[in-house]
Protein backbone atom coordinates (compact mmCIF):
# COMPACT_ATOMS: atom_id res chain seq x y z
CA MET A 1 0.00 0.00 0.00
CA HIS A 2 1.34 3.50 -0.95
CA GLN A 3 1.79 6.09 1.81
CA TYR A 4 -0.63 8.49 0.08
CA ASP A 5 -3.43 5.91 0.35
CA GLN A 6 -3.55 6.43 4.16
CA LEU A 7 -3.67 10.29 3.95
CA SER A 8 -6.89 12.23 4.32
CA ARG A 9 -7.96 14.54 1.57
CA TYR A 10 -6.86 17.58 3.56
CA GLU A 11 -3.45 16.14 4.25
CA LEU A 12 -3.11 15.20 0.60
CA ILE A 13 -3.85 18.79 -0.51
CA LYS A 14 -1.25 20.10 1.93
CA GLU A 15 1.36 17.68 0.62
CA ILE A 16 0.65 18.73 -2.98
CA GLU A 17 0.98 22.44 -2.10
CA ALA A 18 4.33 21.74 -0.41
CA LEU A 19 5.62 19.96 -3.51
CA LYS A 20 4.49 22.88 -5.69
CA ARG A 21 6.35 25.36 -3.52
CA LYS A 22 9.44 23.15 -3.60
CA ASN A 23 9.35 22.82 -7.40
CA SER A 24 8.75 26.56 -7.83
CA LEU A 25 11.75 27.36 -5.66
CA LEU A 26 13.85 24.89 -7.67
CA LEU A 27 12.79 26.52 -10.96
CA VAL A 28 13.60 29.98 -9.63
CA THR A 29 16.99 28.79 -8.43
CA GLN A 30 17.73 27.16 -11.79
CA SER A 31 16.59 30.28 -13.67
CA VAL A 32 18.85 32.55 -11.57
CA ALA A 33 21.79 30.19 -12.03
CA LEU A 34 21.16 30.12 -15.80
CA ARG A 35 20.98 33.92 -16.01
CA GLU A 36 24.16 34.24 -13.96
CA SER A 37 25.91 31.70 -16.20
CA GLU A 38 24.76 33.51 -19.34
CA ALA A 39 25.93 36.86 -17.93
CA ARG A 40 29.29 35.37 -16.99
CA TYR A 41 29.84 33.93 -20.48
CA ARG A 42 28.66 37.15 -22.12
CA ARG A 43 31.18 39.13 -20.05
CA MET A 44 33.88 36.68 -21.10
CA ILE A 45 32.92 37.05 -24.77
CA GLU A 46 32.64 40.84 -24.66
CA THR A 47 35.95 41.31 -22.81
CA ALA A 48 37.90 38.81 -24.91
CA ASN A 49 40.97 40.11 -26.76
CA GLU A 50 39.81 38.27 -29.87
CA GLY A 51 36.88 39.03 -32.10
CA ILE A 52 34.15 36.40 -31.87
CA MET A 53 31.68 35.63 -34.64
CA VAL A 54 28.95 33.04 -35.07
CA THR A 55 27.47 32.24 -38.49
CA ASP A 56 24.74 29.93 -39.73
CA PRO A 57 25.35 27.16 -42.33
CA LYS A 58 24.92 29.67 -45.18
CA GLY A 59 27.35 32.20 -43.76
CA ALA A 60 24.83 34.64 -42.27
CA ILE A 61 26.14 36.33 -39.12
CA SER A 62 24.04 35.61 -36.03
CA PHE A 63 26.38 37.07 -33.39
CA VAL A 64 29.52 39.20 -33.09
CA ASN A 65 31.14 40.60 -29.97
CA THR A 66 32.12 44.26 -29.66
CA LYS A 67 35.79 43.49 -30.37
CA MET A 68 34.87 41.86 -33.70
CA ALA A 69 32.69 44.78 -34.73
CA LEU A 70 35.24 47.43 -33.79
CA MET A 71 37.92 45.51 -35.68
CA LEU A 72 36.04 46.26 -38.90
CA GLY A 73 34.67 49.68 -37.91
CA TYR A 74 31.05 48.57 -37.27
CA HIS A 75 28.61 48.44 -34.39
CA PRO A 76 27.58 44.87 -33.56
CA HIS A 77 23.97 45.38 -34.67
CA GLU A 78 25.22 46.51 -38.13
CA MET A 79 26.86 43.14 -38.71
CA VAL A 80 24.20 40.75 -37.40
CA GLY A 81 22.07 39.46 -40.27
CA ARG A 82 24.63 40.23 -42.95
CA TYR A 83 26.52 37.53 -44.79
CA ILE A 84 30.20 37.07 -44.02
CA PHE A 85 30.90 37.39 -47.77
CA ASP A 86 29.84 41.06 -47.58
CA LEU A 87 32.95 41.73 -45.48
CA MET A 88 35.53 40.78 -48.12
CA ASP A 89 36.38 41.27 -51.79
CA GLU A 90 35.31 38.83 -54.52
CA GLU A 91 38.40 36.62 -54.44
CA TRP A 92 38.35 36.19 -50.65
CA ALA A 93 34.56 35.65 -50.77
CA ARG A 94 35.09 32.77 -53.20
CA LEU A 95 37.67 31.20 -50.87
CA CYS A 96 35.35 31.70 -47.90
CA GLN A 97 32.49 29.90 -49.67
CA GLU A 98 34.81 26.95 -50.36
CA LYS A 99 35.78 26.77 -46.67
CA ILE A 100 32.15 26.85 -45.52
CA SER A 101 31.21 24.04 -47.93
CA HIS A 102 34.02 21.90 -46.49
CA ARG A 103 33.45 22.86 -42.84
CA ARG A 104 31.65 19.64 -41.91
CA LYS A 105 34.44 17.50 -43.34
CA VAL A 106 37.37 19.58 -42.10
CA GLY A 107 36.15 20.29 -38.58
CA LYS A 108 38.30 22.69 -36.60
CA GLU A 109 40.66 24.82 -38.68
CA GLN A 110 43.07 27.77 -38.40
CA PHE A 111 44.11 30.06 -41.24
CA GLU A 112 44.88 33.65 -42.21
CA PHE A 113 42.20 35.64 -43.97
CA CYS A 114 41.67 39.13 -45.32
CA LEU A 115 38.47 40.98 -44.39
CA GLN A 116 37.35 44.43 -45.49
CA SER A 117 36.50 47.18 -43.04
CA LYS A 118 33.49 49.46 -43.25
CA GLU A 119 35.81 52.13 -44.69
CA GLY A 120 37.08 49.73 -47.37
CA TYR A 121 40.63 49.01 -46.16
CA GLN A 122 42.07 45.53 -45.67
CA VAL A 123 42.11 43.89 -42.24
CA TRP A 124 44.31 40.79 -42.08
CA CYS A 125 43.10 38.23 -39.54
CA HIS A 126 44.13 34.96 -37.97
CA VAL A 127 40.98 32.83 -37.73
CA ALA A 128 40.43 29.80 -35.46
CA ILE A 129 37.09 28.30 -36.48
CA SER A 130 35.01 25.34 -35.27
CA PRO A 131 31.76 23.81 -36.57
CA ILE A 132 28.61 23.97 -34.44
CA TYR A 133 26.37 20.88 -34.28
CA GLY A 134 22.90 20.50 -32.75
CA ASP A 135 21.72 17.70 -30.49
CA ASP A 136 20.82 15.74 -33.61
CA GLU A 137 24.37 16.17 -34.95
CA VAL A 138 23.09 18.43 -37.72
CA PHE A 139 25.52 21.18 -38.80
CA GLN A 140 24.18 24.51 -37.56
CA GLY A 141 26.98 26.93 -38.39
CA SER A 142 30.43 28.01 -37.30
CA PHE A 143 32.05 29.63 -34.28
CA ALA A 144 35.12 31.75 -35.08
CA MET A 145 37.72 33.50 -32.93
CA VAL A 146 39.40 36.26 -34.94
CA THR A 147 42.69 38.08 -34.21
CA ASP A 148 43.71 41.24 -36.06
CA ILE A 149 47.21 40.63 -37.53
CA THR A 150 47.27 43.62 -39.92
CA GLY A 151 50.21 45.19 -38.10
CA ARG A 152 52.20 41.97 -38.33
CA LYS A 153 51.39 41.55 -42.03
CA LYS A 154 52.50 45.12 -42.76
CA ALA A 155 55.75 44.49 -40.89
CA GLU A 156 56.26 41.27 -42.86
CA ASP A 157 55.59 43.09 -46.14
CA ALA A 158 57.97 45.89 -45.18
CA LEU A 159 60.65 43.33 -44.29
CA LYS A 160 60.07 41.48 -47.56
CA THR A 161 60.32 44.74 -49.52
CA SER A 162 63.51 45.65 -47.67
CA GLU A 163 65.02 42.22 -48.36
CA GLU A 164 64.07 42.41 -52.04
CA ARG A 165 65.58 45.90 -52.32
CA TYR A 166 68.78 44.77 -50.62
CA ARG A 167 68.99 41.67 -52.79
CA ALA A 168 68.40 43.74 -55.95
CA MET A 169 71.12 46.14 -54.85
CA VAL A 170 73.58 43.30 -54.19
CA GLU A 171 72.70 41.56 -57.46
CA SER A 172 73.28 44.80 -59.39
CA LEU A 173 76.85 45.11 -58.14
CA PRO A 174 79.31 44.77 -61.05
CA GLY A 175 81.51 42.31 -59.16
CA LEU A 176 81.22 39.11 -57.17
CA SER A 177 79.67 39.18 -53.72
CA TYR A 178 79.15 36.72 -50.88
CA ILE A 179 78.50 36.62 -47.13
CA CYS A 180 80.07 34.05 -44.84
CA SER A 181 79.80 33.30 -41.14
CA ALA A 182 82.58 33.43 -38.57
CA ASP A 183 83.12 29.69 -39.11
CA TYR A 184 83.65 30.24 -42.87
CA ARG A 185 80.25 28.94 -44.04
CA ILE A 186 78.79 30.77 -47.06
CA GLU A 187 75.43 32.31 -46.06
CA PHE A 188 74.74 34.17 -49.29
CA ILE A 189 76.27 34.29 -52.76
CA ASN A 190 75.08 36.51 -55.60
CA GLU A 191 74.01 35.20 -59.00
CA ARG A 192 77.12 36.53 -60.73
CA PHE A 193 79.32 34.57 -58.30
CA LYS A 194 77.19 31.42 -58.79
CA ARG A 195 77.82 31.63 -62.51
CA HIS A 196 81.51 32.27 -61.89
CA ILE A 197 81.99 29.05 -59.89
CA GLY A 198 79.29 27.08 -61.66
CA ARG A 199 76.94 26.40 -58.72
CA ASP A 200 75.18 27.75 -55.65
CA ALA A 201 77.75 27.27 -52.88
CA THR A 202 75.50 28.39 -50.01
CA GLY A 203 76.35 26.35 -46.90
CA GLU A 204 79.80 25.34 -48.16
CA LEU A 205 83.15 26.41 -46.69
CA CYS A 206 84.27 29.57 -48.46
CA TYR A 207 87.91 28.58 -48.94
CA GLN A 208 86.88 25.28 -50.55
CA ALA A 209 84.09 26.63 -52.75
CA LEU A 210 85.79 29.80 -53.94
CA HIS A 211 89.48 28.86 -54.10
CA GLU A 212 89.49 25.04 -53.97
CA LEU A 213 91.76 25.08 -50.91
CA SER A 214 91.74 22.43 -48.22
CA GLU A 215 92.37 24.90 -45.39
CA ILE A 216 91.70 28.53 -44.50
CA CYS A 217 93.13 31.03 -47.01
CA PRO A 218 96.52 32.44 -45.93
CA TRP A 219 95.20 35.96 -46.54
CA CYS A 220 91.92 35.46 -44.63
CA VAL A 221 90.80 38.52 -42.62
CA ASN A 222 87.74 37.02 -40.90
CA GLN A 223 89.07 37.81 -37.43
CA ARG A 224 89.77 41.44 -38.31
CA VAL A 225 86.31 41.81 -39.84
CA ALA A 226 84.72 40.14 -36.77
CA ALA A 227 86.43 42.85 -34.67
CA GLY A 228 84.59 45.51 -36.70
CA GLU A 229 87.26 46.39 -39.26
CA THR A 230 86.64 46.92 -42.98
CA VAL A 231 89.56 45.48 -44.92
CA SER A 232 90.50 45.98 -48.59
CA TRP A 233 93.37 44.37 -50.46
CA GLU A 234 94.44 42.77 -53.72
CA VAL A 235 94.97 39.04 -54.07
CA GLN A 236 95.78 36.57 -56.82
CA SER A 237 93.46 33.56 -56.77
CA PRO A 238 95.21 30.18 -56.75
CA LYS A 239 92.16 28.77 -58.57
CA ASP A 240 92.18 30.79 -61.81
CA GLY A 241 95.32 32.93 -61.47
CA HIS A 242 93.32 36.17 -61.80
CA TRP A 243 93.95 39.22 -59.67
CA TYR A 244 91.07 40.51 -57.55
CA HIS A 245 90.40 43.59 -55.46
CA VAL A 246 88.52 42.52 -52.35
CA THR A 247 86.64 44.64 -49.80
CA ASN A 248 85.43 42.84 -46.67
CA SER A 249 83.10 44.54 -44.19
CA PRO A 250 81.27 43.32 -41.07
CA ILE A 251 77.55 42.51 -40.89
CA TYR A 252 76.16 42.52 -37.34
CA ASN A 253 73.48 39.86 -36.88
CA ARG A 254 70.63 40.05 -34.37
CA ASP A 255 71.97 37.05 -32.43
CA GLY A 256 75.22 38.90 -31.70
CA THR A 257 77.34 37.10 -34.29
CA VAL A 258 79.28 38.92 -37.01
CA SER A 259 79.30 37.81 -40.64
CA LYS A 260 81.68 38.96 -43.37
CA HIS A 261 80.41 40.64 -46.53
CA ALA A 262 82.88 40.46 -49.40
CA ILE A 263 82.74 42.45 -52.65
CA ILE A 264 85.21 41.20 -55.23
CA ASN A 265 86.21 42.77 -58.56
CA ASP A 266 88.48 41.21 -61.18
CA ILE A 267 91.41 43.59 -61.76
CA THR A 268 93.54 41.24 -63.88
CA ALA A 269 93.40 43.60 -66.88
CA ILE A 270 94.53 46.52 -64.71
CA LYS A 271 97.38 44.49 -63.21
CA GLU A 272 98.51 43.42 -66.66
CA MET A 273 98.39 47.03 -67.82
CA GLU A 274 100.40 48.11 -64.78
CA THR A 275 103.00 45.45 -65.56
CA GLU A 276 103.17 46.54 -69.19
CA LEU A 277 103.43 50.20 -68.24
CA GLY A 278 106.14 49.37 -65.76
CA ALA A 279 108.11 47.54 -68.44
CA ARG A 280 107.66 50.43 -70.88
CA LYS A 281 108.71 52.94 -68.26
CA SER A 282 111.84 50.94 -67.54
CA MET A 283 112.66 50.74 -71.26
CA LEU A 284 112.02 54.47 -71.67
CA GLU A 285 114.24 55.34 -68.73
CA GLN A 286 117.04 53.24 -70.21
CA ALA A 287 116.56 54.94 -73.58
CA GLU A 288 116.63 58.38 -71.93
CA LEU A 289 119.98 57.62 -70.37
CA GLN A 290 121.35 56.85 -73.82
CA GLY A 291 119.76 59.72 -75.77
CA SER A 292 118.75 63.37 -75.54
CA PHE A 293 115.00 63.03 -74.91
CA GLY A 294 112.71 62.71 -71.96
CA SER A 295 109.13 61.58 -71.26
CA TRP A 296 106.21 63.63 -69.99
CA GLN A 297 102.61 63.07 -68.86
CA TRP A 298 99.73 65.52 -68.48
CA GLU A 299 96.72 64.67 -66.30
CA ALA A 300 93.45 66.31 -67.38
CA ALA A 301 91.92 66.11 -63.88
CA SER A 302 94.68 68.09 -62.14
CA GLY A 303 96.12 69.91 -65.16
CA SER A 304 99.66 69.10 -63.97
CA PHE A 305 102.68 67.76 -65.86
CA THR A 306 104.86 64.91 -64.61
CA LEU A 307 108.38 64.94 -66.14
CA SER A 308 111.12 62.37 -66.29
CA GLY A 309 114.54 63.47 -65.14
CA GLN A 310 115.77 64.04 -68.71
CA ALA A 311 112.60 65.98 -69.68
CA ALA A 312 112.98 68.25 -66.64
CA ALA A 313 116.62 68.86 -67.60
CA LEU A 314 115.66 69.76 -71.17
CA LEU A 315 113.11 72.28 -69.87
CA GLY A 316 115.53 73.65 -67.28
CA SER A 317 113.11 72.76 -64.47
CA SER A 318 114.25 71.76 -61.01
CA SER A 319 110.93 70.01 -60.33
CA ALA A 320 109.59 66.79 -61.86
CA VAL A 321 105.98 67.88 -61.31
CA LEU A 322 104.73 71.20 -62.69
CA ALA A 323 101.34 72.86 -62.61
CA GLY A 324 99.96 73.69 -66.05
CA ASP A 325 100.69 77.43 -65.74
CA ASP A 326 104.23 76.77 -64.51
CA PHE A 327 104.89 74.52 -67.50
CA LEU A 328 103.59 77.15 -69.95
CA ALA A 329 105.70 79.82 -68.28
CA LEU A 330 108.85 77.99 -69.49
CA ILE A 331 107.76 78.46 -73.13
CA GLN A 332 108.35 81.63 -75.10
CA GLU A 333 105.24 83.80 -75.26
CA GLY A 334 104.88 83.52 -79.02
CA ASP A 335 104.67 79.73 -78.85
CA ARG A 336 102.71 79.46 -75.61
CA GLY A 337 99.24 79.75 -77.12
CA GLN A 338 99.56 76.79 -79.49
CA VAL A 339 100.81 74.54 -76.67
CA GLU A 340 98.03 75.59 -74.29
CA THR A 341 95.37 75.04 -76.98
CA ALA A 342 96.78 71.66 -78.02
CA ILE A 343 96.90 70.12 -74.55
CA HIS A 344 93.37 71.21 -73.64
CA GLU A 345 91.72 70.02 -76.84
CA PRO A 346 90.50 66.39 -76.71
CA VAL A 347 92.88 64.03 -78.50
CA ALA A 348 91.17 61.02 -80.04
CA PRO A 349 92.68 57.60 -79.23
CA GLY A 350 95.27 56.73 -81.86
CA LYS A 351 95.77 60.37 -82.94
CA LYS A 352 99.28 61.81 -82.50
CA LEU A 353 100.14 65.19 -81.01
CA GLU A 354 103.21 67.04 -82.29
CA LEU A 355 104.31 70.55 -81.29
CA LEU A 356 107.38 72.69 -81.87
CA PHE A 357 108.16 75.47 -79.38
CA ARG A 358 111.00 77.55 -77.97
CA LEU A 359 112.00 77.88 -74.34
CA VAL A 360 112.46 81.03 -72.26
CA ARG A 361 116.17 80.76 -71.46
CA PRO A 362 117.83 84.14 -70.78
CA GLU A 363 121.33 82.68 -70.97
CA ALA A 364 120.79 81.21 -74.45
CA ALA A 365 119.45 82.45 -77.76
CA GLU A 366 116.73 79.98 -78.65
CA ILE A 367 116.29 76.35 -77.64
CA PRO A 368 113.74 74.70 -79.93
CA LEU A 369 112.04 71.58 -78.54
CA ARG A 370 109.76 69.09 -80.19
CA MET A 371 106.91 67.63 -78.13
CA GLN A 372 105.19 64.45 -79.31
CA GLY A 373 102.40 62.58 -77.59
CA GLU A 374 99.10 60.74 -77.66
CA ALA A 375 96.00 60.26 -75.53
CA LEU A 376 96.44 58.57 -72.13
CA LEU A 377 93.58 56.08 -71.60
CA ASP A 378 92.09 54.55 -68.46
CA PRO A 379 91.16 50.81 -68.23
CA GLU A 380 87.80 51.61 -69.86
CA GLN A 381 89.63 53.22 -72.82
CA LYS A 382 88.50 56.73 -71.92
CA PRO A 383 91.00 59.64 -72.38
CA VAL A 384 92.28 60.96 -69.05
CA GLY A 385 95.24 62.97 -70.26
CA LEU A 386 98.26 62.96 -72.58
CA CYS A 387 101.71 61.35 -72.55
CA GLY A 388 104.72 61.37 -74.84
CA ILE A 389 108.36 62.39 -75.33
CA LEU A 390 110.29 65.68 -75.49
CA PHE A 391 113.56 66.24 -77.41
CA ARG A 392 115.67 68.94 -78.99
CA ALA A 393 114.49 69.93 -82.45
CA GLY A 394 117.82 71.04 -83.79
């Protein structure tokens, strides 16, 4: 027999009223707890550092927090009801549609995306997105946490632009260029150098890759460069026998290490020219000792004359280097104009210069001299002056 079977009607009514009051109190308690829970989660969502967005299966926005709205320059109510595709350009909208169609298969996902603000400028975002399923496991939409990474993307773009500019500058250098670490590992080598040695030697030991040596180059200046010194010198490569002018300068890395940046130019032609000029000078000096002529050189940049010992003696000059006006002052006034005009007029390569003039020598009547010469050329075959011989005309 159940306990309620023994109760009177009055007692039964009282028991029912007590149960009603108990259930009502329980409902109130549950309702308060639910409201408090909702308020707590809403505070968490509204104070989050990330933007939060909820969309339905078709991409319509059903909720955004204040952070998400402000990120794009909207108020929250302006975004709710709009489609997510309205917040991006056509290309990004197409990609977004593809991601939504694959959401059920992919599940949780993280990626970078580009949205468009209310004012029309790009807002780069990192998106962490999860699918939302109902109790029946039916896909109901997506929950996304969005972080504004526009500042980082701009910094990355600026760094990329800077690197591209630096690389273009290095690649445009006329010579060979490479960077190596303190332990002689090549960290960078320009395209011209790659072609020179026939491969990309990045990561290899510099003395092996560049000079085919089994140990550190005898002329290596890595330690001096690591101490902050910029070092320039000329060296003959044991690999190809060419002469090179090398400038090494330090590069200070963020981790505190120092790398060496080398710029190398082939000066073999210049060295050969210097050798040939040295041999000619020696032969000319020997010839001067045996004859009555001397050599001279005029530099267009300074306007000065450099005379051999015999040439200075013929001119009666005590100095081997004369300024242009001092040289002309040794020539009689009637002949001075033709000499001045001749040395200042451009002389084409291969064309000979020949002048006849008299000296100003108070102790003698007239001393006629003949001056012969031709254009003096730099390594690029550009005229930089004149050079030739001087001898008595009679």
